[in-house]
Amino acid sequence: MRDPDEATDGPTDPRVHPEESPGFGEEPEGLEDIEVSRDVTIGEATPRELAATDTVPVAGEAAESKVESLREGDAVERRRAALALGEERATEGIVDALVAHGLSDSDEDVRQFSVESLGQLGGERAAVAAAATLTDDDPWVRAEAVVALDRLDRAGHAEEIERALDDDHHAVVRNAMVSLFKLRGEAMLPVLLERSHADSERLREWAVHLLAGVDDDRADERLEAVAGDADEPQIVRNTAVRALDADPGRFRRQFSGGTENDAADLPGESTLNRRPDL
């Protein structure tokens, strides 16, 4: 069992501590009384669409067949092919297919899975394509592009990742903060202090979580302010309390690895950018 005081790559999943979850102890009379306030989108999907991330059905297929599915398949086939190609040995043809077809696909999931696979395959062409994807219209594609650049060469792509801090979506900024914190550590204090005032509660939560790794009076003062702010959601306040209790040096040492290694284990969020699967 994980030590509750151990630093991790993310704030504790609120379902680990149900009493800290929003709405605990309340008894709403109906669905209309339940407030969803953490940027959750509830949609509809067929069982086949939900299984699109399962690459087992195509595991035995030749790479050429997967490339063909990426070019000519329906949306589910293209999504599965985009992910499965990341498990192949990197070749010029596979990388070209992901760049030329995957990243230009009309389906945002295909684009997201394509940039994820490019991050796994590596190489200069993959890196250039991932950096270009930071301007994609879909925020989850942009967020995955940050993950890919972090995996490929965090230090070498620090400038592109830093520009992602100015994105208008919390997932993109969150990924950039995590990547740059792993690279720069306590030097991220000004950024973390600023983002601890962000409009997005998720960004505030992550900013105070990362402040646990900064040994500075300004960090402690901000964490104390957040912990005592009755207007903050309980999960943000609890994260600040845990950050105050953490040892900064130990936190930084344990906060390691690529941003693709997310500590959350919510269904649909075991990989960094997966939308909640509700």
Protein backbone atom coordinates (compact mmCIF):
# COMPACT_ATOMS: atom_id res chain seq x y z
CA MET A 1 0.00 0.00 0.00
CA ARG A 2 1.27 3.49 -0.86
CA ASP A 3 2.40 5.62 2.03
CA PRO A 4 -0.17 8.46 2.21
CA ASP A 5 2.65 10.90 2.97
CA GLU A 6 4.75 9.81 0.00
CA ALA A 7 5.07 12.29 -2.83
CA THR A 8 3.52 11.09 -6.05
CA ASP A 9 3.11 12.34 -9.57
CA GLY A 10 -0.31 13.74 -8.74
CA PRO A 11 -2.74 14.82 -6.07
CA THR A 12 -4.37 11.91 -4.31
CA ASP A 13 -7.43 10.56 -6.08
CA PRO A 14 -10.34 11.82 -3.93
CA ARG A 15 -11.92 8.37 -4.10
CA VAL A 16 -9.06 7.05 -1.99
CA HIS A 17 -10.45 9.16 0.84
CA PRO A 18 -14.25 9.25 0.27
CA GLU A 19 -14.81 11.59 3.18
CA GLU A 20 -12.82 14.23 1.28
CA SER A 21 -14.89 13.94 -1.87
CA PRO A 22 -17.33 16.71 -2.84
CA GLY A 23 -20.81 15.94 -1.61
CA PHE A 24 -19.75 13.43 1.06
CA GLY A 25 -22.49 13.08 3.67
CA GLU A 26 -25.10 14.80 1.55
CA GLU A 27 -28.28 13.12 0.37
CA PRO A 28 -29.51 14.81 -2.83
CA GLU A 29 -33.14 14.23 -3.72
CA GLY A 30 -32.43 13.87 -7.44
CA LEU A 31 -29.86 14.25 -10.18
CA GLU A 32 -30.67 17.93 -10.55
CA ASP A 33 -29.30 18.49 -7.04
CA ILE A 34 -25.89 17.05 -7.86
CA GLU A 35 -23.29 19.62 -8.90
CA VAL A 36 -20.50 18.52 -11.23
CA SER A 37 -17.75 21.12 -10.92
CA ARG A 38 -14.51 19.50 -12.11
CA ASP A 39 -14.72 20.01 -15.87
CA VAL A 40 -16.42 16.67 -16.42
CA THR A 41 -18.14 16.00 -19.73
CA ILE A 42 -20.71 13.22 -19.88
CA GLY A 43 -21.24 11.88 -23.36
CA GLU A 44 -22.42 8.82 -25.23
CA ALA A 45 -20.32 6.11 -26.85
CA THR A 46 -20.98 2.66 -28.22
CA PRO A 47 -19.24 -0.39 -26.70
CA ARG A 48 -17.14 -0.61 -29.87
CA GLU A 49 -16.03 3.01 -29.50
CA LEU A 50 -15.17 2.47 -25.84
CA ALA A 51 -12.95 -0.46 -26.88
CA ALA A 52 -11.01 1.60 -29.42
CA THR A 53 -7.97 1.83 -27.13
CA ASP A 54 -7.68 -1.96 -26.95
CA THR A 55 -4.92 -2.85 -29.39
CA VAL A 56 -5.11 -6.61 -28.75
CA PRO A 57 -7.37 -7.25 -31.78
CA VAL A 58 -4.65 -5.94 -34.12
CA ALA A 59 -1.60 -7.11 -32.18
CA GLY A 60 -0.80 -9.82 -34.70
CA GLU A 61 -1.30 -7.71 -37.79
CA ALA A 62 1.60 -6.50 -39.89
CA ALA A 63 2.58 -2.86 -39.54
CA GLU A 64 1.52 -2.26 -43.14
CA SER A 65 -2.00 -3.42 -42.29
CA LYS A 66 -2.17 -1.01 -39.38
CA VAL A 67 -0.97 1.82 -41.58
CA GLU A 68 -3.71 0.94 -44.05
CA SER A 69 -6.29 1.02 -41.24
CA LEU A 70 -4.99 4.42 -40.18
CA ARG A 71 -5.50 5.71 -43.73
CA GLU A 72 -8.71 3.98 -44.74
CA GLY A 73 -10.49 2.62 -41.64
CA ASP A 74 -13.49 4.00 -39.81
CA ALA A 75 -12.96 6.14 -36.71
CA VAL A 76 -12.56 3.21 -34.31
CA GLU A 77 -10.16 1.39 -36.64
CA ARG A 78 -8.11 4.54 -37.10
CA ARG A 79 -7.91 5.17 -33.36
CA ARG A 80 -6.80 1.61 -32.66
CA ALA A 81 -4.27 1.70 -35.48
CA ALA A 82 -2.82 5.00 -34.28
CA LEU A 83 -2.19 3.53 -30.83
CA ALA A 84 -0.98 0.17 -32.09
CA LEU A 85 1.61 1.74 -34.38
CA GLY A 86 3.32 3.19 -31.31
CA GLU A 87 4.11 -0.37 -30.25
CA GLU A 88 5.92 -1.15 -33.52
CA ARG A 89 9.62 -0.77 -34.24
CA ALA A 90 10.14 2.78 -35.41
CA THR A 91 10.51 3.02 -39.18
CA GLU A 92 10.35 5.94 -41.56
CA GLY A 93 7.13 4.59 -43.07
CA ILE A 94 5.33 4.28 -39.74
CA VAL A 95 6.40 7.73 -38.54
CA ASP A 96 5.44 9.25 -41.91
CA ALA A 97 2.00 7.61 -41.72
CA LEU A 98 1.35 8.93 -38.22
CA VAL A 99 2.44 12.42 -39.21
CA ALA A 100 0.77 12.58 -42.62
CA HIS A 101 -2.46 10.78 -41.79
CA GLY A 102 -2.79 10.47 -38.02
CA LEU A 103 -2.07 14.07 -37.11
CA SER A 104 -4.27 15.43 -39.91
CA ASP A 105 -7.24 13.16 -39.12
CA SER A 106 -10.63 14.81 -38.58
CA ASP A 107 -11.10 12.74 -35.41
CA GLU A 108 -9.42 14.34 -32.39
CA ASP A 109 -8.85 10.97 -30.71
CA VAL A 110 -6.93 9.72 -33.74
CA ARG A 111 -4.75 12.82 -33.58
CA GLN A 112 -4.20 12.40 -29.84
CA PHE A 113 -3.28 8.73 -30.16
CA SER A 114 -1.02 9.51 -33.10
CA VAL A 115 1.04 12.06 -31.19
CA GLU A 116 1.18 9.64 -28.25
CA SER A 117 2.62 6.97 -30.54
CA LEU A 118 5.11 9.42 -32.03
CA GLY A 119 6.34 10.13 -28.53
CA GLN A 120 6.90 6.42 -28.02
CA LEU A 121 8.63 5.88 -31.36
CA GLY A 122 11.01 8.81 -31.01
CA GLY A 123 13.24 10.47 -33.54
CA GLU A 124 13.66 13.97 -34.93
CA ARG A 125 10.66 13.80 -37.27
CA ALA A 126 8.42 12.68 -34.42
CA ALA A 127 9.67 15.52 -32.24
CA VAL A 128 9.09 18.16 -34.91
CA ALA A 129 5.58 16.84 -35.52
CA ALA A 130 4.76 16.74 -31.80
CA ALA A 131 5.91 20.33 -31.38
CA ALA A 132 3.72 21.42 -34.29
CA THR A 133 0.76 19.65 -32.68
CA LEU A 134 0.89 22.11 -29.78
CA THR A 135 -1.32 24.33 -31.97
CA ASP A 136 -3.99 21.66 -32.58
CA ASP A 137 -7.59 22.84 -32.12
CA ASP A 138 -8.32 20.12 -29.56
CA PRO A 139 -6.88 20.69 -26.07
CA TRP A 140 -6.39 16.98 -25.35
CA VAL A 141 -4.27 16.66 -28.47
CA ARG A 142 -2.18 19.63 -27.33
CA ALA A 143 -1.88 18.12 -23.86
CA GLU A 144 -0.66 14.85 -25.35
CA ALA A 145 1.87 16.78 -27.43
CA VAL A 146 3.41 18.10 -24.20
CA VAL A 147 3.64 14.53 -22.92
CA ALA A 148 5.33 13.42 -26.14
CA LEU A 149 7.90 16.22 -26.00
CA ASP A 150 8.58 15.46 -22.35
CA ARG A 151 9.16 11.81 -23.18
CA LEU A 152 11.32 12.55 -26.22
CA ASP A 153 13.61 15.16 -24.67
CA ARG A 154 12.32 17.24 -21.78
CA ALA A 155 15.35 19.52 -21.62
CA GLY A 156 15.72 19.82 -25.38
CA HIS A 157 12.08 20.90 -25.81
CA ALA A 158 11.85 23.07 -22.70
CA GLU A 159 11.08 26.21 -24.72
CA GLU A 160 8.10 24.61 -26.48
CA ILE A 161 6.86 23.12 -23.22
CA GLU A 162 7.21 26.48 -21.47
CA ARG A 163 5.06 28.14 -24.14
CA ALA A 164 2.35 25.62 -23.31
CA LEU A 165 2.02 27.28 -19.89
CA ASP A 166 0.06 30.01 -21.67
CA ASP A 167 -2.48 27.59 -23.14
CA ASP A 168 -6.14 28.22 -22.31
CA HIS A 169 -6.88 24.64 -21.20
CA HIS A 170 -6.01 23.25 -17.79
CA ALA A 171 -4.76 19.88 -19.08
CA VAL A 172 -2.15 21.46 -21.34
CA VAL A 173 -0.91 23.83 -18.63
CA ARG A 174 -0.91 21.05 -16.04
CA ASN A 175 1.28 18.84 -18.22
CA ALA A 176 3.67 21.72 -18.90
CA MET A 177 3.93 22.51 -15.18
CA VAL A 178 4.70 18.88 -14.32
CA SER A 179 7.31 18.53 -17.04
CA LEU A 180 9.07 21.78 -16.18
CA PHE A 181 8.99 21.04 -12.45
CA LYS A 182 10.76 17.75 -13.10
CA LEU A 183 13.35 19.68 -15.10
CA ARG A 184 13.76 22.82 -12.99
CA GLY A 185 12.51 21.95 -9.51
CA GLU A 186 12.41 24.87 -7.10
CA ALA A 187 13.09 27.37 -9.89
CA MET A 188 9.44 26.87 -10.83
CA LEU A 189 8.30 28.76 -7.71
CA PRO A 190 7.13 31.94 -9.53
CA VAL A 191 5.11 29.90 -12.02
CA LEU A 192 3.56 27.74 -9.32
CA LEU A 193 2.63 30.73 -7.19
CA GLU A 194 0.96 32.36 -10.18
CA ARG A 195 -0.92 29.20 -11.19
CA SER A 196 -2.10 28.69 -7.60
CA HIS A 197 -4.42 31.64 -8.35
CA ALA A 198 -5.67 30.20 -11.66
CA ASP A 199 -9.37 30.18 -12.50
CA SER A 200 -9.25 26.40 -12.91
CA GLU A 201 -9.43 24.54 -9.61
CA ARG A 202 -7.51 21.69 -11.22
CA LEU A 203 -4.61 24.00 -11.96
CA ARG A 204 -4.73 25.41 -8.44
CA GLU A 205 -4.72 21.87 -7.08
CA TRP A 206 -1.68 20.90 -9.14
CA ALA A 207 0.16 24.13 -8.37
CA VAL A 208 -0.16 23.66 -4.62
CA HIS A 209 0.75 19.99 -4.99
CA LEU A 210 4.00 20.93 -6.73
CA LEU A 211 4.72 23.63 -4.16
CA ALA A 212 5.36 20.72 -1.78
CA GLY A 213 8.74 20.41 -3.50
CA VAL A 214 9.78 24.03 -2.91
CA ASP A 215 11.66 24.88 0.28
CA ASP A 216 10.83 28.57 0.46
CA ASP A 217 8.85 30.74 2.86
CA ARG A 218 6.79 32.10 -0.04
CA ALA A 219 5.66 28.59 -0.90
CA ASP A 220 4.71 27.86 2.71
CA GLU A 221 2.82 31.12 3.02
CA ARG A 222 0.82 30.41 -0.11
CA LEU A 223 0.06 26.85 0.97
CA GLU A 224 -1.13 28.07 4.38
CA ALA A 225 -3.36 30.63 2.68
CA VAL A 226 -4.90 28.00 0.39
CA ALA A 227 -5.34 25.50 3.23
CA GLY A 228 -7.25 28.08 5.23
CA ASP A 229 -9.34 29.51 2.39
CA ALA A 230 -12.96 28.54 2.98
CA ASP A 231 -13.81 29.51 -0.61
CA GLU A 232 -11.47 26.87 -2.05
CA PRO A 233 -12.89 23.42 -2.92
CA GLN A 234 -12.06 20.90 -0.23
CA ILE A 235 -9.79 18.87 -2.51
CA VAL A 236 -7.60 21.90 -3.18
CA ARG A 237 -7.40 22.74 0.50
CA ASN A 238 -6.55 19.16 1.42
CA THR A 239 -3.83 19.08 -1.21
CA ALA A 240 -2.32 22.23 0.31
CA VAL A 241 -2.39 20.65 3.78
CA ARG A 242 -0.56 17.56 2.52
CA ALA A 243 1.94 19.78 0.69
CA LEU A 244 2.73 21.62 3.92
CA ASP A 245 3.46 18.31 5.63
CA ALA A 246 5.76 17.05 2.87
CA ASP A 247 9.55 17.18 2.95
CA PRO A 248 10.53 19.28 -0.11
CA GLY A 249 13.74 17.43 -0.88
CA ARG A 250 12.12 14.01 -0.57
CA PHE A 251 9.21 15.20 -2.69
CA ARG A 252 11.50 16.32 -5.51
CA ARG A 253 13.47 13.08 -5.42
CA GLN A 254 10.31 10.99 -5.69
CA PHE A 255 8.68 13.23 -8.27
CA SER A 256 10.45 11.65 -11.20
CA GLY A 257 9.79 9.93 -14.49
CA GLY A 258 7.96 11.08 -17.59
CA THR A 259 4.67 12.90 -17.54
CA GLU A 260 3.13 9.89 -19.23
CA ASN A 261 3.44 7.99 -15.91
CA ASP A 262 0.39 9.35 -14.15
CA ALA A 263 -0.28 8.26 -10.58
CA ALA A 264 -4.06 8.58 -10.87
CA ASP A 265 -5.94 5.33 -11.21
CA LEU A 266 -9.40 6.52 -12.11
CA PRO A 267 -10.92 4.44 -14.89
CA GLY A 268 -10.09 6.33 -18.04
CA GLU A 269 -7.34 8.37 -16.37
CA SER A 270 -4.60 5.80 -15.84
CA THR A 271 -2.89 7.40 -18.81
CA LEU A 272 -2.30 11.09 -18.42
CA ASN A 273 -4.72 12.68 -20.81
CA ARG A 274 -7.61 10.25 -20.89
CA ARG A 275 -10.92 11.96 -20.28
CA PRO A 276 -12.84 10.62 -17.26
CA ASP A 277 -14.71 7.51 -18.35
CA LEU A 278 -18.11 8.08 -16.76
